[in-house]
PDB file of N, CA and C in Angstrom:
ATOM      1  N   UNK A   1     -10.513  17.669 -70.503  1.00  0.00           N
ATOM      2  CA  UNK A   1     -10.619  16.645 -69.481  1.00  0.00           C
ATOM      3  C   UNK A   1      -9.218  16.287 -68.983  1.00  0.00           C
ATOM      4  N   UNK A   2      -9.053  16.140 -67.671  1.00  0.00           N
ATOM      5  CA  UNK A   2      -7.742  15.829 -67.114  1.00  0.00           C
ATOM      6  C   UNK A   2      -7.435  14.339 -67.216  1.00  0.00           C
ATOM      7  N   UNK A   3      -6.144  14.051 -67.256  1.00  0.00           N
ATOM      8  CA  UNK A   3      -5.693  12.674 -67.365  1.00  0.00           C
ATOM      9  C   UNK A   3      -5.883  11.970 -66.033  1.00  0.00           C
ATOM     10  N   UNK A   4      -6.321  10.712 -66.073  1.00  0.00           N
ATOM     11  CA  UNK A   4      -6.513   9.928 -64.855  1.00  0.00           C
ATOM     12  C   UNK A   4      -5.167   9.675 -64.190  1.00  0.00           C
ATOM     13  N   UNK A   5      -5.114   9.889 -62.911  1.00  0.00           N
ATOM     14  CA  UNK A   5      -3.877   9.737 -62.157  1.00  0.00           C
ATOM     15  C   UNK A   5      -3.820   8.343 -61.544  1.00  0.00           C
ATOM     16  N   UNK A   6      -2.699   7.667 -61.728  1.00  0.00           N
ATOM     17  CA  UNK A   6      -2.476   6.360 -61.129  1.00  0.00           C
ATOM     18  C   UNK A   6      -1.803   6.580 -59.777  1.00  0.00           C
ATOM     19  N   UNK A   7      -2.589   6.466 -58.704  1.00  0.00           N
ATOM     20  CA  UNK A   7      -2.091   6.748 -57.361  1.00  0.00           C
ATOM     21  C   UNK A   7      -0.888   5.883 -57.010  1.00  0.00           C
ATOM     22  N   UNK A   8      -0.994   4.595 -57.265  1.00  0.00           N
ATOM     23  CA  UNK A   8       0.084   3.683 -56.896  1.00  0.00           C
ATOM     24  C   UNK A   8       1.384   4.016 -57.630  1.00  0.00           C
ATOM     25  N   UNK A   9       1.270   4.376 -58.894  1.00  0.00           N
ATOM     26  CA  UNK A   9       2.458   4.739 -59.674  1.00  0.00           C
ATOM     27  C   UNK A   9       3.090   6.019 -59.131  1.00  0.00           C
ATOM     28  N   UNK A  10       2.267   7.016 -58.823  1.00  0.00           N
ATOM     29  CA  UNK A  10       2.775   8.276 -58.284  1.00  0.00           C
ATOM     30  C   UNK A  10       3.404   8.063 -56.910  1.00  0.00           C
ATOM     31  N   UNK A  11       2.793   7.214 -56.086  1.00  0.00           N
ATOM     32  CA  UNK A  11       3.332   6.946 -54.756  1.00  0.00           C
ATOM     33  C   UNK A  11       4.664   6.215 -54.842  1.00  0.00           C
ATOM     34  N   UNK A  12       4.754   5.244 -55.741  1.00  0.00           N
ATOM     35  CA  UNK A  12       6.010   4.504 -55.909  1.00  0.00           C
ATOM     36  C   UNK A  12       7.114   5.448 -56.384  1.00  0.00           C
ATOM     37  N   UNK A  13       6.796   6.319 -57.315  1.00  0.00           N
ATOM     38  CA  UNK A  13       7.769   7.296 -57.798  1.00  0.00           C
ATOM     39  C   UNK A  13       8.215   8.220 -56.667  1.00  0.00           C
ATOM     40  N   UNK A  14       7.269   8.649 -55.843  1.00  0.00           N
ATOM     41  CA  UNK A  14       7.601   9.497 -54.701  1.00  0.00           C
ATOM     42  C   UNK A  14       8.529   8.764 -53.736  1.00  0.00           C
ATOM     43  N   UNK A  15       8.237   7.506 -53.468  1.00  0.00           N
ATOM     44  CA  UNK A  15       9.093   6.718 -52.575  1.00  0.00           C
ATOM     45  C   UNK A  15      10.505   6.588 -53.132  1.00  0.00           C
ATOM     46  N   UNK A  16      10.621   6.423 -54.431  1.00  0.00           N
ATOM     47  CA  UNK A  16      11.939   6.331 -55.070  1.00  0.00           C
ATOM     48  C   UNK A  16      12.699   7.654 -54.959  1.00  0.00           C
ATOM     49  N   UNK A  17      11.994   8.759 -55.125  1.00  0.00           N
ATOM     50  CA  UNK A  17      12.616  10.080 -55.003  1.00  0.00           C
ATOM     51  C   UNK A  17      13.130  10.280 -53.579  1.00  0.00           C
ATOM     52  N   UNK A  18      12.291   9.967 -52.599  1.00  0.00           N
ATOM     53  CA  UNK A  18      12.686  10.135 -51.200  1.00  0.00           C
ATOM     54  C   UNK A  18      13.900   9.270 -50.884  1.00  0.00           C
ATOM     55  N   UNK A  19      13.873   8.025 -51.330  1.00  0.00           N
ATOM     56  CA  UNK A  19      14.996   7.120 -51.093  1.00  0.00           C
ATOM     57  C   UNK A  19      16.277   7.671 -51.703  1.00  0.00           C
ATOM     58  N   UNK A  20      16.182   8.169 -52.908  1.00  0.00           N
ATOM     59  CA  UNK A  20      17.341   8.723 -53.588  1.00  0.00           C
ATOM     60  C   UNK A  20      17.877   9.952 -52.860  1.00  0.00           C
ATOM     61  N   UNK A  21      16.973  10.815 -52.404  1.00  0.00           N
ATOM     62  CA  UNK A  21      17.396  12.012 -51.686  1.00  0.00           C
ATOM     63  C   UNK A  21      18.014  11.665 -50.330  1.00  0.00           C
ATOM     64  N   UNK A  22      17.482  10.635 -49.691  1.00  0.00           N
ATOM     65  CA  UNK A  22      18.004  10.245 -48.379  1.00  0.00           C
ATOM     66  C   UNK A  22      19.436   9.721 -48.449  1.00  0.00           C
ATOM     67  N   UNK A  23      19.827   9.182 -49.588  1.00  0.00           N
ATOM     68  CA  UNK A  23      21.190   8.678 -49.734  1.00  0.00           C
ATOM     69  C   UNK A  23      22.208   9.799 -49.623  1.00  0.00           C
ATOM     70  N   UNK A  24      21.807  11.005 -50.054  1.00  0.00           N
ATOM     71  CA  UNK A  24      22.659  12.165 -49.925  1.00  0.00           C
ATOM     72  C   UNK A  24      23.830  12.210 -50.893  1.00  0.00           C
ATOM     73  N   UNK A  25      23.788  11.425 -51.946  1.00  0.00           N
ATOM     74  CA  UNK A  25      24.907  11.386 -52.890  1.00  0.00           C
ATOM     75  C   UNK A  25      24.638  12.156 -54.183  1.00  0.00           C
ATOM     76  N   UNK A  26      23.663  13.043 -54.145  1.00  0.00           N
ATOM     77  CA  UNK A  26      23.306  13.833 -55.328  1.00  0.00           C
ATOM     78  C   UNK A  26      23.919  15.221 -55.241  1.00  0.00           C
ATOM     79  N   UNK A  27      24.167  15.806 -56.406  1.00  0.00           N
ATOM     80  CA  UNK A  27      24.600  17.201 -56.422  1.00  0.00           C
ATOM     81  C   UNK A  27      23.406  18.065 -56.033  1.00  0.00           C
ATOM     82  N   UNK A  28      23.664  19.298 -55.729  1.00  0.00           N
ATOM     83  CA  UNK A  28      22.581  20.210 -55.364  1.00  0.00           C
ATOM     84  C   UNK A  28      21.554  20.304 -56.491  1.00  0.00           C
ATOM     85  N   UNK A  29      22.032  20.427 -57.715  1.00  0.00           N
ATOM     86  CA  UNK A  29      21.125  20.547 -58.859  1.00  0.00           C
ATOM     87  C   UNK A  29      20.279  19.287 -59.020  1.00  0.00           C
ATOM     88  N   UNK A  30      20.897  18.120 -58.872  1.00  0.00           N
ATOM     89  CA  UNK A  30      20.155  16.857 -58.971  1.00  0.00           C
ATOM     90  C   UNK A  30      19.134  16.744 -57.844  1.00  0.00           C
ATOM     91  N   UNK A  31      19.538  17.145 -56.642  1.00  0.00           N
ATOM     92  CA  UNK A  31      18.627  17.075 -55.498  1.00  0.00           C
ATOM     93  C   UNK A  31      17.429  17.995 -55.699  1.00  0.00           C
ATOM     94  N   UNK A  32      17.670  19.178 -56.226  1.00  0.00           N
ATOM     95  CA  UNK A  32      16.566  20.104 -56.482  1.00  0.00           C
ATOM     96  C   UNK A  32      15.619  19.536 -57.536  1.00  0.00           C
ATOM     97  N   UNK A  33      16.172  18.963 -58.593  1.00  0.00           N
ATOM     98  CA  UNK A  33      15.338  18.360 -59.638  1.00  0.00           C
ATOM     99  C   UNK A  33      14.518  17.202 -59.073  1.00  0.00           C
ATOM    100  N   UNK A  34      15.145  16.394 -58.233  1.00  0.00           N
ATOM    101  CA  UNK A  34      14.417  15.285 -57.605  1.00  0.00           C
ATOM    102  C   UNK A  34      13.328  15.804 -56.677  1.00  0.00           C
ATOM    103  N   UNK A  35      13.639  16.856 -55.929  1.00  0.00           N
ATOM    104  CA  UNK A  35      12.650  17.454 -55.036  1.00  0.00           C
ATOM    105  C   UNK A  35      11.440  17.944 -55.832  1.00  0.00           C
ATOM    106  N   UNK A  36      11.702  18.601 -56.955  1.00  0.00           N
ATOM    107  CA  UNK A  36      10.602  19.074 -57.810  1.00  0.00           C
ATOM    108  C   UNK A  36       9.759  17.902 -58.306  1.00  0.00           C
ATOM    109  N   UNK A  37      10.427  16.825 -58.712  1.00  0.00           N
ATOM    110  CA  UNK A  37       9.701  15.633 -59.161  1.00  0.00           C
ATOM    111  C   UNK A  37       8.864  15.073 -58.011  1.00  0.00           C
ATOM    112  N   UNK A  38       9.449  15.034 -56.825  1.00  0.00           N
ATOM    113  CA  UNK A  38       8.722  14.535 -55.657  1.00  0.00           C
ATOM    114  C   UNK A  38       7.500  15.381 -55.342  1.00  0.00           C
ATOM    115  N   UNK A  39       7.638  16.673 -55.440  1.00  0.00           N
ATOM    116  CA  UNK A  39       6.495  17.559 -55.181  1.00  0.00           C
ATOM    117  C   UNK A  39       5.384  17.342 -56.207  1.00  0.00           C
ATOM    118  N   UNK A  40       5.768  17.086 -57.453  1.00  0.00           N
ATOM    119  CA  UNK A  40       4.766  16.776 -58.483  1.00  0.00           C
ATOM    120  C   UNK A  40       4.068  15.460 -58.146  1.00  0.00           C
ATOM    121  N   UNK A  41       4.829  14.494 -57.639  1.00  0.00           N
ATOM    122  CA  UNK A  41       4.236  13.215 -57.222  1.00  0.00           C
ATOM    123  C   UNK A  41       3.258  13.419 -56.066  1.00  0.00           C
ATOM    124  N   UNK A  42       3.623  14.271 -55.112  1.00  0.00           N
ATOM    125  CA  UNK A  42       2.738  14.567 -53.985  1.00  0.00           C
ATOM    126  C   UNK A  42       1.427  15.162 -54.499  1.00  0.00           C
ATOM    127  N   UNK A  43       1.540  16.089 -55.423  1.00  0.00           N
ATOM    128  CA  UNK A  43       0.348  16.728 -55.991  1.00  0.00           C
ATOM    129  C   UNK A  43      -0.532  15.689 -56.694  1.00  0.00           C
ATOM    130  N   UNK A  44       0.095  14.793 -57.444  1.00  0.00           N
ATOM    131  CA  UNK A  44      -0.658  13.743 -58.129  1.00  0.00           C
ATOM    132  C   UNK A  44      -1.356  12.820 -57.129  1.00  0.00           C
ATOM    133  N   UNK A  45      -0.655  12.454 -56.060  1.00  0.00           N
ATOM    134  CA  UNK A  45      -1.251  11.590 -55.031  1.00  0.00           C
ATOM    135  C   UNK A  45      -2.436  12.289 -54.361  1.00  0.00           C
ATOM    136  N   UNK A  46      -2.267  13.558 -54.031  1.00  0.00           N
ATOM    137  CA  UNK A  46      -3.354  14.311 -53.404  1.00  0.00           C
ATOM    138  C   UNK A  46      -4.568  14.400 -54.326  1.00  0.00           C
ATOM    139  N   UNK A  47      -4.324  14.616 -55.607  1.00  0.00           N
ATOM    140  CA  UNK A  47      -5.427  14.700 -56.575  1.00  0.00           C
ATOM    141  C   UNK A  47      -6.160  13.373 -56.685  1.00  0.00           C
ATOM    142  N   UNK A  48      -5.400  12.287 -56.741  1.00  0.00           N
ATOM    143  CA  UNK A  48      -6.014  10.960 -56.839  1.00  0.00           C
ATOM    144  C   UNK A  48      -6.838  10.656 -55.596  1.00  0.00           C
ATOM    145  N   UNK A  49      -6.322  11.008 -54.431  1.00  0.00           N
ATOM    146  CA  UNK A  49      -7.063  10.775 -53.193  1.00  0.00           C
ATOM    147  C   UNK A  49      -8.324  11.632 -53.135  1.00  0.00           C
ATOM    148  N   UNK A  50      -8.240  12.858 -53.609  1.00  0.00           N
ATOM    149  CA  UNK A  50      -9.413  13.738 -53.634  1.00  0.00           C
ATOM    150  C   UNK A  50     -10.479  13.173 -54.567  1.00  0.00           C
ATOM    151  N   UNK A  51     -10.056  12.672 -55.733  1.00  0.00           N
ATOM    152  CA  UNK A  51     -10.999  12.048 -56.670  1.00  0.00           C
ATOM    153  C   UNK A  51     -11.677  10.842 -56.028  1.00  0.00           C
ATOM    154  N   UNK A  52     -10.903  10.041 -55.312  1.00  0.00           N
ATOM    155  CA  UNK A  52     -11.457   8.864 -54.639  1.00  0.00           C
ATOM    156  C   UNK A  52     -12.458   9.285 -53.564  1.00  0.00           C
ATOM    157  N   UNK A  53     -12.132  10.325 -52.822  1.00  0.00           N
ATOM    158  CA  UNK A  53     -13.027  10.819 -51.781  1.00  0.00           C
ATOM    159  C   UNK A  53     -14.351  11.279 -52.378  1.00  0.00           C
ATOM    160  N   UNK A  54     -14.271  12.020 -53.466  1.00  0.00           N
ATOM    161  CA  UNK A  54     -15.482  12.510 -54.134  1.00  0.00           C
ATOM    162  C   UNK A  54     -16.327  11.336 -54.622  1.00  0.00           C
ATOM    163  N   UNK A  55     -15.676  10.344 -55.212  1.00  0.00           N
ATOM    164  CA  UNK A  55     -16.387   9.167 -55.713  1.00  0.00           C
ATOM    165  C   UNK A  55     -17.090   8.430 -54.561  1.00  0.00           C
ATOM    166  N   UNK A  56     -16.401   8.270 -53.440  1.00  0.00           N
ATOM    167  CA  UNK A  56     -16.994   7.588 -52.274  1.00  0.00           C
ATOM    168  C   UNK A  56     -18.180   8.359 -51.753  1.00  0.00           C
ATOM    169  N   UNK A  57     -18.064   9.663 -51.681  1.00  0.00           N
ATOM    170  CA  UNK A  57     -19.190  10.496 -51.216  1.00  0.00           C
ATOM    171  C   UNK A  57     -20.371  10.351 -52.171  1.00  0.00           C
ATOM    172  N   UNK A  58     -20.106  10.393 -53.462  1.00  0.00           N
ATOM    173  CA  UNK A  58     -21.181  10.258 -54.446  1.00  0.00           C
ATOM    174  C   UNK A  58     -21.858   8.902 -54.331  1.00  0.00           C
ATOM    175  N   UNK A  59     -21.079   7.854 -54.157  1.00  0.00           N
ATOM    176  CA  UNK A  59     -21.648   6.514 -54.026  1.00  0.00           C
ATOM    177  C   UNK A  59     -22.439   6.380 -52.729  1.00  0.00           C
ATOM    178  N   UNK A  60     -21.977   6.991 -51.675  1.00  0.00           N
ATOM    179  CA  UNK A  60     -22.672   6.921 -50.380  1.00  0.00           C
ATOM    180  C   UNK A  60     -23.995   7.656 -50.455  1.00  0.00           C
ATOM    181  N   UNK A  61     -24.013   8.773 -51.145  1.00  0.00           N
ATOM    182  CA  UNK A  61     -25.226   9.568 -51.257  1.00  0.00           C
ATOM    183  C   UNK A  61     -26.231   8.958 -52.212  1.00  0.00           C
ATOM    184  N   UNK A  62     -25.794   8.087 -53.088  1.00  0.00           N
ATOM    185  CA  UNK A  62     -26.677   7.477 -54.076  1.00  0.00           C
ATOM    186  C   UNK A  62     -27.590   6.426 -53.467  1.00  0.00           C
ATOM    187  N   UNK A  63     -27.259   5.971 -52.298  1.00  0.00           N
ATOM    188  CA  UNK A  63     -28.078   4.921 -51.664  1.00  0.00           C
ATOM    189  C   UNK A  63     -29.259   5.463 -50.949  1.00  0.00           C
TER     190      UNK A  63
END
């Protein structure tokens, strides 16, 4: 069973990564690591939204 994703936490982390990258004061290696973290956050957000969509569809069909 997969771990439940906290959308708000993943989104906040993504926003922090973007803010940090926008400052432009990171080394290339740090920027790449942050980019990878940001991409993982994007994936987590997409998964959480997909789960929410499925739940809404299931609830709508149950009526």
